C-alpha atoms as a PDB file:
ATOM      1  CA  MET A   1     -16.737 -13.426 -26.298  1.00  0.00           C
ATOM      2  CA  ALA A   2     -17.978 -14.031 -22.721  1.00  0.00           C
ATOM      3  CA  ILE A   3     -14.414 -14.654 -21.506  1.00  0.00           C
ATOM      4  CA  SER A   4     -13.472 -11.123 -22.616  1.00  0.00           C
ATOM      5  CA  TYR A   5     -16.060  -9.747 -20.175  1.00  0.00           C
ATOM      6  CA  VAL A   6     -14.676 -11.945 -17.402  1.00  0.00           C
ATOM      7  CA  LYS A   7     -11.148 -10.723 -18.159  1.00  0.00           C
ATOM      8  CA  ALA A   8     -12.311  -7.086 -18.213  1.00  0.00           C
ATOM      9  CA  LEU A   9     -14.065  -7.505 -14.861  1.00  0.00           C
ATOM     10  CA  HIS A  10     -10.989  -9.181 -13.397  1.00  0.00           C
ATOM     11  CA  ILE A  11      -8.780  -6.264 -14.463  1.00  0.00           C
ATOM     12  CA  ILE A  12     -11.291  -3.709 -13.099  1.00  0.00           C
ATOM     13  CA  PHE A  13     -11.384  -5.455  -9.711  1.00  0.00           C
ATOM     14  CA  VAL A  14      -7.560  -5.725  -9.633  1.00  0.00           C
ATOM     15  CA  VAL A  15      -7.240  -1.973 -10.277  1.00  0.00           C
ATOM     16  CA  CYS A  16      -9.781  -1.214  -7.533  1.00  0.00           C
ATOM     17  CA  TRP A  17      -8.044  -3.587  -5.119  1.00  0.00           C
ATOM     18  CA  PHE A  18      -4.630  -2.008  -5.618  1.00  0.00           C
ATOM     19  CA  SER A  19      -6.143   1.472  -5.365  1.00  0.00           C
ATOM     20  CA  ALA A  20      -7.714   0.549  -2.021  1.00  0.00           C
ATOM     21  CA  LEU A  21      -4.473  -0.964  -0.726  1.00  0.00           C
ATOM     22  CA  PHE A  22      -2.406   2.066  -1.740  1.00  0.00           C
ATOM     23  CA  TYR A  23      -4.804   4.565  -0.214  1.00  0.00           C
ATOM     24  CA  MET A  24      -5.569   2.522   2.914  1.00  0.00           C
ATOM     25  CA  VAL A  25      -1.952   2.466   4.024  1.00  0.00           C
ATOM     26  CA  ARG A  26      -1.710   6.217   3.350  1.00  0.00           C
ATOM     27  CA  LEU A  27      -4.669   6.638   5.700  1.00  0.00           C
ATOM     28  CA  PHE A  28      -2.828   4.518   8.286  1.00  0.00           C
ATOM     29  CA  ILE A  29       0.116   6.914   7.975  1.00  0.00           C
ATOM     30  CA  TYR A  30      -2.059  10.021   8.341  1.00  0.00           C
ATOM     31  CA  THR A  31      -3.923   8.541  11.328  1.00  0.00           C
ATOM     32  CA  THR A  32      -0.639   7.658  13.027  1.00  0.00           C
ATOM     33  CA  GLU A  33       0.718  11.171  12.426  1.00  0.00           C
ATOM     34  CA  ALA A  34      -2.533  12.677  13.757  1.00  0.00           C
ATOM     35  CA  GLN A  35      -1.670  11.216  17.166  1.00  0.00           C
ATOM     36  CA  SER A  36       1.108  13.799  17.555  1.00  0.00           C
ATOM     37  CA  LYS A  37      -1.242  16.760  16.999  1.00  0.00           C
ATOM     38  CA  ASP A  38      -2.517  19.011  19.767  1.00  0.00           C
ATOM     39  CA  GLU A  39      -5.451  17.977  21.960  1.00  0.00           C
ATOM     40  CA  VAL A  40      -7.962  19.895  19.818  1.00  0.00           C
ATOM     41  CA  ALA A  41      -6.885  18.587  16.392  1.00  0.00           C
ATOM     42  CA  LYS A  42      -5.996  15.011  17.393  1.00  0.00           C
ATOM     43  CA  PRO A  43      -9.504  13.643  18.143  1.00  0.00           C
ATOM     44  CA  ILE A  44     -11.086  15.442  15.176  1.00  0.00           C
ATOM     45  CA  LEU A  45      -8.470  14.203  12.692  1.00  0.00           C
ATOM     46  CA  THR A  46      -8.433  10.690  14.148  1.00  0.00           C
ATOM     47  CA  GLN A  47     -12.219  10.350  13.992  1.00  0.00           C
ATOM     48  CA  GLN A  48     -12.371  11.602  10.388  1.00  0.00           C
ATOM     49  CA  LEU A  49      -9.480   9.426   9.210  1.00  0.00           C
ATOM     50  CA  LEU A  50     -10.917   6.310  10.887  1.00  0.00           C
ATOM     51  CA  LEU A  51     -14.248   6.962   9.166  1.00  0.00           C
ATOM     52  CA  MET A  52     -12.438   7.265   5.815  1.00  0.00           C
ATOM     53  CA  GLN A  53     -10.603   4.007   6.522  1.00  0.00           C
ATOM     54  CA  LYS A  54     -13.848   2.180   7.302  1.00  0.00           C
ATOM     55  CA  LYS A  55     -15.607   3.345   4.142  1.00  0.00           C
ATOM     56  CA  LEU A  56     -12.607   2.652   1.890  1.00  0.00           C
ATOM     57  CA  TRP A  57     -11.945  -0.772   3.369  1.00  0.00           C
ATOM     58  CA  TYR A  58     -15.454  -2.174   3.418  1.00  0.00           C
ATOM     59  CA  ILE A  59     -16.925  -0.437   0.355  1.00  0.00           C
ATOM     60  CA  ILE A  60     -13.921  -0.820  -1.982  1.00  0.00           C
ATOM     61  CA  GLY A  61     -11.088  -2.872  -0.441  1.00  0.00           C
ATOM     62  CA  TRP A  62     -12.777  -6.127   0.531  1.00  0.00           C
ATOM     63  CA  PRO A  63     -15.259  -6.229  -2.391  1.00  0.00           C
ATOM     64  CA  ALA A  64     -12.418  -5.568  -4.855  1.00  0.00           C
ATOM     65  CA  MET A  65     -10.350  -8.404  -3.407  1.00  0.00           C
ATOM     66  CA  VAL A  66     -13.288 -10.815  -3.551  1.00  0.00           C
ATOM     67  CA  GLY A  67     -14.107  -9.756  -7.141  1.00  0.00           C
ATOM     68  CA  THR A  68     -10.454 -10.181  -8.133  1.00  0.00           C
ATOM     69  CA  PHE A  69     -10.435 -13.743  -6.832  1.00  0.00           C
ATOM     70  CA  ILE A  70     -13.818 -14.681  -8.314  1.00  0.00           C
ATOM     71  CA  PHE A  71     -13.010 -13.522 -11.850  1.00  0.00           C
ATOM     72  CA  GLY A  72      -9.352 -14.537 -11.619  1.00  0.00           C
ATOM     73  CA  LEU A  73     -10.245 -18.103 -10.652  1.00  0.00           C
ATOM     74  CA  TRP A  74     -12.875 -18.131 -13.396  1.00  0.00           C
ATOM     75  CA  LEU A  75     -10.188 -17.252 -15.952  1.00  0.00           C
ATOM     76  CA  LEU A  76      -7.839 -19.846 -14.486  1.00  0.00           C
ATOM     77  CA  PHE A  77     -10.387 -22.680 -14.625  1.00  0.00           C
ATOM     78  CA  VAL A  78     -11.439 -21.896 -18.205  1.00  0.00           C
ATOM     79  CA  ASN A  79      -8.007 -23.029 -19.411  1.00  0.00           C
ATOM     80  CA  ILE A  80      -6.513 -24.672 -16.331  1.00  0.00           C
ATOM     81  CA  SER A  81      -4.364 -27.266 -18.114  1.00  0.00           C
ATOM     82  CA  TYR A  82      -2.581 -24.525 -20.101  1.00  0.00           C
ATOM     83  CA  TYR A  83      -2.111 -22.088 -17.219  1.00  0.00           C
ATOM     84  CA  LEU A  84      -0.854 -24.598 -14.665  1.00  0.00           C
ATOM     85  CA  ALA A  85       1.756 -25.809 -17.161  1.00  0.00           C
ATOM     86  CA  GLN A  86       3.251 -22.300 -17.298  1.00  0.00           C
ATOM     87  CA  PRO A  87       5.990 -21.442 -14.734  1.00  0.00           C
ATOM     88  CA  TRP A  88       5.076 -17.743 -14.853  1.00  0.00           C
ATOM     89  CA  MET A  89       1.509 -18.545 -13.756  1.00  0.00           C
ATOM     90  CA  TRP A  90       2.736 -20.368 -10.658  1.00  0.00           C
ATOM     91  CA  LEU A  91       4.920 -17.395  -9.780  1.00  0.00           C
ATOM     92  CA  LYS A  92       1.984 -15.048 -10.348  1.00  0.00           C
ATOM     93  CA  LEU A  93      -0.232 -17.165  -8.093  1.00  0.00           C
ATOM     94  CA  ILE A  94       2.454 -17.099  -5.376  1.00  0.00           C
ATOM     95  CA  ALA A  95       2.648 -13.298  -5.699  1.00  0.00           C
ATOM     96  CA  VAL A  96      -1.151 -13.077  -5.416  1.00  0.00           C
ATOM     97  CA  VAL A  97      -1.091 -15.207  -2.244  1.00  0.00           C
ATOM     98  CA  PHE A  98       1.475 -12.808  -0.753  1.00  0.00           C
ATOM     99  CA  LEU A  99      -0.707  -9.882  -1.821  1.00  0.00           C
ATOM    100  CA  ALA A 100      -3.672 -11.475  -0.034  1.00  0.00           C
ATOM    101  CA  LEU A 101      -1.500 -11.831   3.100  1.00  0.00           C
ATOM    102  CA  TYR A 102      -0.606  -8.138   2.728  1.00  0.00           C
ATOM    103  CA  HIS A 103      -4.343  -7.374   2.601  1.00  0.00           C
ATOM    104  CA  ILE A 104      -4.909  -9.392   5.786  1.00  0.00           C
ATOM    105  CA  GLU A 105      -2.087  -7.483   7.507  1.00  0.00           C
ATOM    106  CA  CYS A 106      -3.821  -4.246   6.464  1.00  0.00           C
ATOM    107  CA  GLN A 107      -6.981  -5.590   8.095  1.00  0.00           C
ATOM    108  CA  ARG A 108      -5.004  -6.210  11.305  1.00  0.00           C
ATOM    109  CA  ILE A 109      -3.558  -2.671  11.282  1.00  0.00           C
ATOM    110  CA  TYR A 110      -7.036  -1.268  10.615  1.00  0.00           C
ATOM    111  CA  LYS A 111      -8.448  -3.121  13.641  1.00  0.00           C
ATOM    112  CA  GLN A 112      -5.568  -1.901  15.814  1.00  0.00           C
ATOM    113  CA  GLN A 113      -6.059   1.716  14.794  1.00  0.00           C
ATOM    114  CA  THR A 114      -9.812   1.575  15.431  1.00  0.00           C
ATOM    115  CA  GLN A 115      -8.929   0.426  18.968  1.00  0.00           C
ATOM    116  CA  GLY A 116      -6.460   3.304  19.419  1.00  0.00           C
ATOM    117  CA  VAL A 117      -3.351   1.129  19.056  1.00  0.00           C
ATOM    118  CA  PHE A 118      -0.587   2.573  16.867  1.00  0.00           C
ATOM    119  CA  LYS A 119       2.290   0.084  16.893  1.00  0.00           C
ATOM    120  CA  ARG A 120       4.073   1.172  13.709  1.00  0.00           C
ATOM    121  CA  SER A 121       5.667   4.544  13.116  1.00  0.00           C
ATOM    122  CA  SER A 122       4.700   6.543  10.040  1.00  0.00           C
ATOM    123  CA  PHE A 123       8.127   5.717   8.566  1.00  0.00           C
ATOM    124  CA  LYS A 124       7.559   1.952   8.934  1.00  0.00           C
ATOM    125  CA  LEU A 125       4.098   2.352   7.419  1.00  0.00           C
ATOM    126  CA  ARG A 126       5.628   4.214   4.462  1.00  0.00           C
ATOM    127  CA  LEU A 127       7.965   1.276   3.852  1.00  0.00           C
ATOM    128  CA  PHE A 128       5.045  -1.131   4.260  1.00  0.00           C
ATOM    129  CA  ASN A 129       3.123   0.922   1.676  1.00  0.00           C
ATOM    130  CA  GLU A 130       5.811   0.226  -0.930  1.00  0.00           C
ATOM    131  CA  LEU A 131       5.271  -3.536  -0.688  1.00  0.00           C
ATOM    132  CA  ALA A 132       2.019  -3.196  -2.640  1.00  0.00           C
ATOM    133  CA  THR A 133       3.968  -1.456  -5.406  1.00  0.00           C
ATOM    134  CA  LEU A 134       6.423  -4.346  -5.526  1.00  0.00           C
ATOM    135  CA  PHE A 135       3.584  -6.860  -5.798  1.00  0.00           C
ATOM    136  CA  LEU A 136       1.992  -4.797  -8.571  1.00  0.00           C
ATOM    137  CA  VAL A 137       5.240  -4.653 -10.572  1.00  0.00           C
ATOM    138  CA  ALA A 138       5.882  -8.391 -10.134  1.00  0.00           C
ATOM    139  CA  ILE A 139       2.364  -9.461 -11.105  1.00  0.00           C
ATOM    140  CA  VAL A 140       2.107  -7.182 -14.139  1.00  0.00           C
ATOM    141  CA  PHE A 141       5.513  -8.239 -15.482  1.00  0.00           C
ATOM    142  CA  LEU A 142       4.701 -11.919 -15.005  1.00  0.00           C
ATOM    143  CA  VAL A 143       1.363 -11.617 -16.806  1.00  0.00           C
ATOM    144  CA  VAL A 144       2.627  -9.468 -19.676  1.00  0.00           C
ATOM    145  CA  VAL A 145       6.084 -10.986 -20.305  1.00  0.00           C
ATOM    146  CA  LYS A 146       5.048 -14.639 -19.665  1.00  0.00           C
ATOM    147  CA  SER A 147       8.663 -15.718 -19.822  1.00  0.00           C
ATOM    148  CA  SER A 148      10.863 -17.622 -17.398  1.00  0.00           C
ATOM    149  CA  SER A 149      14.050 -16.153 -18.864  1.00  0.00           C
ATOM    150  CA  GLY A 150      12.606 -12.654 -18.757  1.00  0.00           C
ATOM    151  CA  LEU A 151      11.501 -13.376 -15.228  1.00  0.00           C
ATOM    152  CA  VAL A 152      15.107 -13.444 -13.983  1.00  0.00           C
ATOM    153  CA  TRP A 153      15.614  -9.933 -15.296  1.00  0.00           C
ATOM    154  CA  GLY A 154      12.224  -8.959 -13.937  1.00  0.00           C
ATOM    155  CA  ILE A 155      13.150 -10.156 -10.445  1.00  0.00           C
ATOM    156  CA  LEU A 156      16.500  -8.354 -10.588  1.00  0.00           C
ATOM    157  CA  GLY A 157      14.695  -5.237 -11.763  1.00  0.00           C
ATOM    158  CA  LEU A 158      12.178  -5.687  -8.965  1.00  0.00           C
ATOM    159  CA  PHE A 159      14.939  -5.751  -6.343  1.00  0.00           C
ATOM    160  CA  GLY A 160      16.528  -2.707  -7.973  1.00  0.00           C
ATOM    161  CA  PHE A 161      13.171  -0.955  -7.913  1.00  0.00           C
ATOM    162  CA  ALA A 162      12.731  -1.890  -4.234  1.00  0.00           C
ATOM    163  CA  GLY A 163      16.159  -0.438  -3.471  1.00  0.00           C
ATOM    164  CA  VAL A 164      15.310   2.817  -5.216  1.00  0.00           C
ATOM    165  CA  LEU A 165      11.994   3.024  -3.331  1.00  0.00           C
ATOM    166  CA  MET A 166      13.672   2.443   0.027  1.00  0.00           C
ATOM    167  CA  LEU A 167      16.313   5.059  -0.784  1.00  0.00           C
ATOM    168  CA  ALA A 168      13.605   7.556  -1.763  1.00  0.00           C
ATOM    169  CA  VAL A 169      11.678   6.920   1.461  1.00  0.00           C
ATOM    170  CA  SER A 170      14.883   7.290   3.493  1.00  0.00           C
ATOM    171  CA  ILE A 171      15.734  10.601   1.784  1.00  0.00           C
ATOM    172  CA  TYR A 172      12.175  11.804   2.357  1.00  0.00           C
ATOM    173  CA  LYS A 173      12.433  10.944   6.051  1.00  0.00           C
ATOM    174  CA  LYS A 174      15.729  12.846   6.439  1.00  0.00           C
ATOM    175  CA  ARG A 175      14.415  15.922   4.598  1.00  0.00           C
ATOM    176  CA  ARG A 176      11.263  15.928   6.661  1.00  0.00           C
ATOM    177  CA  ALA A 177      13.297  15.751   9.884  1.00  0.00           C
ATOM    178  CA  GLN A 178      15.437  18.663   8.624  1.00  0.00           C
ATOM    179  CA  ASP A 179      12.312  20.694   7.810  1.00  0.00           C
ATOM    180  CA  VAL A 180      10.884  20.056  11.277  1.00  0.00           C
ATOM    181  CA  ALA A 181      14.197  21.042  12.880  1.00  0.00           C
ATOM    182  CA  ALA A 182      14.360  24.195  10.740  1.00  0.00           C
ATOM    183  CA  ASN A 183      10.799  25.142  11.736  1.00  0.00           C
ATOM    184  CA  ILE A 184      11.641  24.685  15.404  1.00  0.00           C
ATOM    185  CA  ASP A 185      14.799  26.797  15.008  1.00  0.00           C
ATOM    186  CA  SER A 186      12.941  29.582  13.207  1.00  0.00           C
ATOM    187  CA  THR A 187      10.229  29.576  15.869  1.00  0.00           C
ATOM    188  CA  THR A 188      12.725  29.926  18.712  1.00  0.00           C
ATOM    189  CA  THR A 189      14.841  32.613  16.995  1.00  0.00           C
ATOM    190  CA  ASN A 190      11.787  34.712  16.050  1.00  0.00           C
ATOM    191  CA  GLN A 191      10.680  35.069  19.641  1.00  0.00           C
ATOM    192  CA  THR A 192      11.377  38.515  20.984  1.00  0.00           C
ATOM    193  CA  PRO A 193      13.574  38.625  24.079  1.00  0.00           C
ATOM    194  CA  PRO A 194      12.082  40.155  27.198  1.00  0.00           C
ATOM    195  CA  SER A 195      12.853  43.830  27.632  1.00  0.00           C
ATOM    196  CA  ILE A 196      15.001  44.946  30.520  1.00  0.00           C
ATOM    197  CA  SER A 197      13.741  48.064  32.239  1.00  0.00           C
END
């Protein structure tokens, strides 16, 4: 009975962790894009977005990661001989290690942005944002399917899913560039020519 509570808490912390990761990188994107705003909007947007980053990261992100590891390791040690004999569990643990490295990279980007350093473009951050989705898909399939043979198909599906995501981001980038160009064109054509007297 007690292990059910541990499992429930583990799942709750995992959901919170992924939510924080997804939203944090979106905030990185918005903060990066705020740097191209005019001199009035830029400092106001940047200050607000950095405050949102700080609250999200330290109130939800880090505690959720720590809770995920505490309750996840608890579940692992309850039946360690069974879990470590399963190939899918090793693959899940490897995926979780990569997810933790992703979290640490988010911490690095957060520190850079608080210091006014914006090394990655919003497009690169959008691609980076999709990595968390790939980790989520891999981990959930490994835990639910629990099959080495199904894992091959899962990995192939994961790469297919990654390809679709990258294509969608690329299409979004092109459409956005077209919209910006169209707005610039409409602005220049709507200006009234000077009258000749």
